[in-house]
Amino acid sequence: MEEYDLTPDELIAKDFRVIQSSRRGYYPNGKKEWIAAVKNVYEKDGKIFAGYLQDSYKHLYEQGIWIFGDWDKALHAAGFDPEKTREHGVWDKEKIIEKIRVMHKKQLPLYAKYVMDNHGKLFQAALRQLGSWPNALVAIGLTKPRTKKLFKGRLSLLNALSDALDRHSVKKVPQPLKLQAAHYFGSLEKAIAALKKQGKRLPGWNRRKIMTALCRMHRSNESLAYARTRREVPALVSAAEAHFGSWGKALYASGIDPNLYFVHHKRRRRRRSDSIGGVPRDTQ
């Protein structure tokens, strides 16, 4: 008692725990050590409900009850709400699908990075139960299995949406584009609002930006000949061909006569020779 400055009860308890430390995975935690250990498990595994700890960290579960009196008090001491840990403890396929449907009804984005940053437990559960996040979206019928993404990301989709709105009304936006807008922004309306907010600052190419660039170059009397522009502004030419089909069609859509910039070679008429192979031609 004098050496360790402990009461008889504390000395017996400490001694008992040290004796038990020979068990695999066991460490004689005090209150502070136990709280730190449980928080570490939560940070690493994302769950600390009783059943999980009983299976994977039995010594921590038993220590929590022994040190604090019962499991709820142990969780409170570590700063966790017992009700919330029980509510989000078990993630089966049905629960994952239901959570995603609720997010869809609330018009929340459903692309992987958003869910991973804002609904980490749901995302991790989908990976465990369904193999991947796209598989989870397929499971509830929001997307169809595909091998190639329609758009590389939010900005790519906004450029495609800008093109679609230049050619169609909001009601006639193609269905695949509507679905992808809902996927990245929660709804088509939210995607349109994001497009308006970006305005001219939107990175990447779309039809409007291409036509604006062409008109500016035309007004500045810059040559829009294909070979020269391909050499000096290759990104613009590639974007024009991708969005309009050809450089000439991009010029025409911008109100510029393509004939002004296409070189027309006059065919030289072959002169009739007075001889063929050195033999005088018969003029009669």
Protein backbone atom coordinates (compact mmCIF):
# COMPACT_ATOMS: atom_id res chain seq x y z
CA MET A 1 0.00 0.00 0.00
CA GLU A 2 2.84 2.42 0.87
CA GLU A 3 4.86 1.54 -2.22
CA TYR A 4 2.03 2.06 -4.76
CA ASP A 5 -0.12 4.50 -2.78
CA LEU A 6 -3.22 2.35 -3.31
CA THR A 7 -6.14 1.38 -1.09
CA PRO A 8 -6.59 -2.32 -0.30
CA ASP A 9 -9.42 -2.57 -2.86
CA GLU A 10 -7.36 -0.83 -5.55
CA LEU A 11 -4.34 -2.96 -4.82
CA ILE A 12 -6.33 -6.18 -5.06
CA ALA A 13 -8.06 -5.04 -8.26
CA LYS A 14 -4.77 -3.98 -9.88
CA ASP A 15 -3.09 -7.20 -8.82
CA PHE A 16 -5.98 -9.25 -10.18
CA ARG A 17 -5.78 -7.54 -13.55
CA VAL A 18 -2.02 -8.03 -13.81
CA ILE A 19 -2.46 -11.72 -13.08
CA GLN A 20 -5.05 -11.96 -15.88
CA SER A 21 -2.78 -10.19 -18.38
CA SER A 22 -1.40 -13.50 -19.64
CA ARG A 23 -4.59 -13.93 -21.70
CA ARG A 24 -4.22 -13.31 -25.42
CA GLY A 25 -5.11 -9.76 -26.40
CA TYR A 26 -5.64 -8.72 -22.79
CA TYR A 27 -4.22 -5.56 -21.31
CA PRO A 28 -4.86 -4.38 -17.75
CA ASN A 29 -6.55 -1.11 -18.71
CA GLY A 30 -7.53 1.52 -16.20
CA LYS A 31 -10.41 3.90 -16.94
CA LYS A 32 -8.37 6.24 -19.13
CA GLU A 33 -6.67 3.39 -20.99
CA TRP A 34 -9.98 1.62 -21.59
CA ILE A 35 -11.62 4.77 -22.97
CA ALA A 36 -8.64 5.32 -25.30
CA ALA A 37 -8.76 1.68 -26.42
CA VAL A 38 -12.49 1.80 -27.21
CA LYS A 39 -12.13 5.06 -29.13
CA ASN A 40 -9.32 3.48 -31.11
CA VAL A 41 -11.57 0.52 -32.02
CA TYR A 42 -14.33 2.90 -33.14
CA GLU A 43 -11.92 4.94 -35.27
CA LYS A 44 -10.52 1.79 -36.88
CA ASP A 45 -13.65 -0.36 -37.28
CA GLY A 46 -16.48 2.19 -37.17
CA LYS A 47 -18.55 0.27 -34.64
CA ILE A 48 -18.53 -0.47 -30.91
CA PHE A 49 -21.90 -2.06 -30.25
CA ALA A 50 -21.91 -4.81 -27.63
CA GLY A 51 -22.29 -7.80 -29.94
CA TYR A 52 -19.35 -6.74 -32.10
CA LEU A 53 -17.04 -6.22 -29.13
CA GLN A 54 -18.11 -9.53 -27.59
CA ASP A 55 -17.04 -11.27 -30.79
CA SER A 56 -13.91 -9.28 -31.67
CA TYR A 57 -12.72 -7.56 -28.47
CA LYS A 58 -14.12 -9.66 -25.66
CA HIS A 59 -11.62 -8.40 -23.09
CA LEU A 60 -12.61 -4.74 -23.76
CA TYR A 61 -16.29 -5.53 -23.40
CA GLU A 62 -15.76 -7.38 -20.13
CA GLN A 63 -13.42 -4.70 -18.80
CA GLY A 64 -15.96 -1.97 -19.60
CA ILE A 65 -18.65 -3.70 -17.56
CA TRP A 66 -16.22 -4.49 -14.75
CA ILE A 67 -14.76 -0.97 -14.51
CA PHE A 68 -17.95 1.08 -15.00
CA GLY A 69 -20.67 -1.27 -13.76
CA ASP A 70 -22.61 -1.82 -17.02
CA TRP A 71 -22.12 -1.34 -20.73
CA ASP A 72 -24.21 1.83 -21.12
CA LYS A 73 -22.24 3.59 -18.39
CA ALA A 74 -19.00 2.48 -20.05
CA LEU A 75 -20.11 3.97 -23.39
CA HIS A 76 -21.20 7.20 -21.70
CA ALA A 77 -17.79 7.46 -20.03
CA ALA A 78 -16.12 7.13 -23.44
CA GLY A 79 -18.35 9.88 -24.89
CA PHE A 80 -20.71 7.66 -26.92
CA ASP A 81 -24.51 7.59 -26.95
CA PRO A 82 -25.57 3.97 -26.26
CA GLU A 83 -28.81 4.40 -28.20
CA LYS A 84 -27.02 5.58 -31.33
CA THR A 85 -24.46 2.81 -31.18
CA ARG A 86 -27.27 0.27 -30.95
CA GLU A 87 -29.23 1.93 -33.75
CA HIS A 88 -26.32 1.88 -36.18
CA GLY A 89 -24.76 -1.29 -34.97
CA VAL A 90 -25.95 -3.87 -37.50
CA TRP A 91 -25.79 -3.15 -41.23
CA ASP A 92 -27.44 -5.82 -43.34
CA LYS A 93 -28.35 -5.59 -47.03
CA GLU A 94 -31.96 -4.53 -46.34
CA LYS A 95 -30.88 -1.70 -44.05
CA ILE A 96 -28.30 -0.44 -46.56
CA ILE A 97 -30.88 -0.37 -49.36
CA GLU A 98 -33.41 1.41 -47.15
CA LYS A 99 -30.87 4.11 -46.16
CA ILE A 100 -29.96 4.75 -49.80
CA ARG A 101 -33.63 5.04 -50.74
CA VAL A 102 -34.16 7.57 -47.97
CA MET A 103 -31.22 9.62 -49.28
CA HIS A 104 -32.67 9.42 -52.80
CA LYS A 105 -36.08 10.67 -51.59
CA LYS A 106 -34.36 13.58 -49.83
CA GLN A 107 -32.62 14.40 -53.15
CA LEU A 108 -29.15 13.99 -51.66
CA PRO A 109 -26.18 13.29 -53.96
CA LEU A 110 -25.36 9.62 -54.35
CA TYR A 111 -21.92 9.66 -55.98
CA ALA A 112 -19.27 7.73 -54.09
CA LYS A 113 -17.11 10.58 -52.74
CA TYR A 114 -20.07 12.45 -51.26
CA VAL A 115 -21.38 9.35 -49.49
CA MET A 116 -17.90 8.39 -48.29
CA ASP A 117 -17.32 11.88 -46.80
CA ASN A 118 -20.78 12.39 -45.31
CA HIS A 119 -22.16 8.88 -44.66
CA GLY A 120 -19.02 6.85 -44.01
CA LYS A 121 -20.71 4.01 -42.12
CA LEU A 122 -23.25 3.46 -44.88
CA PHE A 123 -20.52 3.52 -47.51
CA GLN A 124 -18.33 1.01 -45.65
CA ALA A 125 -21.33 -1.24 -45.01
CA ALA A 126 -22.19 -1.20 -48.74
CA LEU A 127 -18.63 -2.24 -49.57
CA ARG A 128 -18.79 -5.12 -47.10
CA GLN A 129 -22.26 -6.37 -48.01
CA LEU A 130 -22.46 -5.60 -51.74
CA GLY A 131 -18.87 -5.41 -52.89
CA SER A 132 -18.90 -1.80 -54.15
CA TRP A 133 -20.95 1.40 -54.05
CA PRO A 134 -22.09 1.08 -57.71
CA ASN A 135 -23.39 -2.38 -56.85
CA ALA A 136 -25.47 -0.84 -54.06
CA LEU A 137 -27.04 1.66 -56.48
CA VAL A 138 -27.76 -1.14 -58.94
CA ALA A 139 -29.36 -3.20 -56.14
CA ILE A 140 -32.03 -0.55 -55.54
CA GLY A 141 -32.63 0.10 -59.23
CA LEU A 142 -31.17 3.62 -59.41
CA THR A 143 -28.58 2.68 -62.02
CA LYS A 144 -27.96 -0.16 -64.43
CA PRO A 145 -24.78 -2.22 -64.56
CA ARG A 146 -22.28 -0.60 -66.91
CA THR A 147 -18.63 -0.99 -67.70
CA LYS A 148 -17.96 2.65 -68.60
CA LYS A 149 -18.94 5.81 -66.74
CA LEU A 150 -21.05 8.30 -68.66
CA PHE A 151 -19.22 11.22 -67.07
CA LYS A 152 -15.89 11.54 -65.32
CA GLY A 153 -17.33 13.62 -62.48
CA ARG A 154 -19.48 16.59 -61.48
CA LEU A 155 -17.76 19.08 -63.79
CA SER A 156 -17.98 16.74 -66.76
CA LEU A 157 -21.69 16.33 -66.12
CA LEU A 158 -22.24 20.11 -65.85
CA ASN A 159 -20.60 20.64 -69.24
CA ALA A 160 -22.83 17.94 -70.76
CA LEU A 161 -25.86 19.54 -69.11
CA SER A 162 -24.88 22.92 -70.56
CA ASP A 163 -24.82 21.35 -74.05
CA ALA A 164 -28.19 19.70 -73.50
CA LEU A 165 -29.84 22.92 -72.31
CA ASP A 166 -28.51 24.74 -75.40
CA ARG A 167 -30.41 22.28 -77.59
CA HIS A 168 -33.39 21.24 -75.45
CA SER A 169 -35.78 22.62 -72.90
CA VAL A 170 -35.47 21.41 -69.30
CA LYS A 171 -38.36 18.98 -69.87
CA LYS A 172 -36.60 17.41 -72.87
CA VAL A 173 -33.22 16.83 -71.22
CA PRO A 174 -32.29 13.18 -72.02
CA GLN A 175 -33.23 10.71 -69.31
CA PRO A 176 -29.67 9.34 -68.77
CA LEU A 177 -28.49 12.90 -68.15
CA LYS A 178 -31.32 13.47 -65.65
CA LEU A 179 -30.38 10.31 -63.78
CA GLN A 180 -26.72 11.32 -63.63
CA ALA A 181 -27.66 14.83 -62.50
CA ALA A 182 -29.62 13.29 -59.63
CA HIS A 183 -26.68 10.99 -58.91
CA TYR A 184 -24.16 13.82 -58.56
CA PHE A 185 -26.37 16.67 -57.26
CA GLY A 186 -29.55 15.10 -55.85
CA SER A 187 -31.85 16.31 -58.65
CA LEU A 188 -31.81 17.90 -62.09
CA GLU A 189 -32.94 21.22 -60.59
CA LYS A 190 -29.97 21.25 -58.20
CA ALA A 191 -27.60 20.45 -61.06
CA ILE A 192 -29.00 23.36 -63.12
CA ALA A 193 -28.58 25.67 -60.11
CA ALA A 194 -24.96 24.54 -59.76
CA LEU A 195 -24.41 25.17 -63.49
CA LYS A 196 -25.75 28.73 -63.20
CA LYS A 197 -23.58 29.33 -60.15
CA GLN A 198 -20.47 28.18 -62.01
CA GLY A 199 -21.24 30.33 -65.04
CA LYS A 200 -18.17 31.17 -67.10
CA ARG A 201 -15.91 29.76 -64.38
CA LEU A 202 -16.89 26.18 -65.24
CA PRO A 203 -13.72 24.25 -66.19
CA GLY A 204 -13.67 22.04 -69.25
CA TRP A 205 -15.35 22.43 -72.63
CA ASN A 206 -18.96 22.64 -73.73
CA ARG A 207 -20.63 23.88 -76.92
CA ARG A 208 -21.26 27.37 -75.58
CA LYS A 209 -17.64 27.87 -74.50
CA ILE A 210 -16.36 26.56 -77.82
CA MET A 211 -18.60 28.91 -79.84
CA THR A 212 -17.64 31.84 -77.60
CA ALA A 213 -13.93 31.15 -78.18
CA LEU A 214 -14.41 30.83 -81.95
CA CYS A 215 -16.39 34.06 -82.19
CA ARG A 216 -13.78 35.92 -80.16
CA MET A 217 -10.98 34.68 -82.43
CA HIS A 218 -13.01 35.55 -85.53
CA ARG A 219 -13.67 39.11 -84.30
CA SER A 220 -9.96 39.52 -83.56
CA ASN A 221 -9.16 38.53 -87.14
CA GLU A 222 -7.21 35.49 -85.94
CA SER A 223 -6.88 32.74 -88.48
CA LEU A 224 -9.25 29.83 -87.91
CA ALA A 225 -7.66 27.66 -90.59
CA TYR A 226 -7.73 24.09 -89.37
CA ALA A 227 -4.01 23.32 -89.65
CA ARG A 228 -2.94 26.52 -87.90
CA THR A 229 -5.50 26.24 -85.11
CA ARG A 230 -4.71 22.54 -84.60
CA ARG A 231 -1.08 23.51 -84.15
CA GLU A 232 -1.62 26.53 -81.87
CA VAL A 233 -4.82 25.67 -79.94
CA PRO A 234 -5.11 21.86 -80.07
CA ALA A 235 -7.44 21.66 -77.06
CA LEU A 236 -10.02 23.89 -78.77
CA VAL A 237 -9.91 21.88 -82.00
CA SER A 238 -10.25 18.56 -80.16
CA ALA A 239 -13.19 19.88 -78.14
CA ALA A 240 -14.88 21.27 -81.27
CA GLU A 241 -14.56 17.95 -83.07
CA ALA A 242 -15.86 16.06 -80.03
CA HIS A 243 -18.89 18.33 -79.51
CA PHE A 244 -19.78 19.22 -83.11
CA GLY A 245 -18.37 16.37 -85.17
CA SER A 246 -15.93 18.43 -87.21
CA TRP A 247 -14.11 21.76 -87.24
CA GLY A 248 -16.25 23.06 -90.10
CA LYS A 249 -19.49 22.26 -88.26
CA ALA A 250 -18.20 24.07 -85.16
CA LEU A 251 -17.47 27.17 -87.26
CA TYR A 252 -20.88 26.99 -88.91
CA ALA A 253 -22.67 26.63 -85.53
CA SER A 254 -20.79 29.75 -84.35
CA GLY A 255 -22.11 31.77 -87.27
CA ILE A 256 -18.81 31.71 -89.15
CA ASP A 257 -18.58 30.76 -92.82
CA PRO A 258 -16.20 27.76 -92.92
CA ASN A 259 -15.30 28.59 -96.54
CA LEU A 260 -13.38 31.62 -95.28
CA TYR A 261 -10.84 29.35 -93.63
CA PHE A 262 -10.66 26.34 -95.90
CA VAL A 263 -8.04 26.45 -98.66
CA HIS A 264 -9.43 25.57 -102.07
CA HIS A 265 -6.86 24.26 -104.50
CA LYS A 266 -7.62 24.90 -108.18
CA ARG A 267 -7.01 21.93 -110.36
CA ARG A 268 -4.43 22.62 -112.99
CA ARG A 269 -5.60 21.62 -116.43
CA ARG A 270 -3.18 19.29 -118.12
CA ARG A 271 -1.70 20.93 -121.20
CA ARG A 272 -1.97 18.95 -124.35
CA SER A 273 1.45 18.13 -125.60
CA ASP A 274 2.30 18.40 -129.26
CA SER A 275 4.00 15.07 -129.04
CA ILE A 276 3.47 11.79 -127.25
CA GLY A 277 6.61 10.17 -126.01
CA GLY A 278 8.61 12.29 -128.42
CA VAL A 279 6.43 11.29 -131.35
CA PRO A 280 4.62 14.23 -133.01
CA ARG A 281 0.86 14.18 -132.32
CA ASP A 282 -1.28 13.64 -135.39
CA THR A 283 -3.22 16.88 -135.71
CA GLN A 284 -5.41 15.64 -138.52
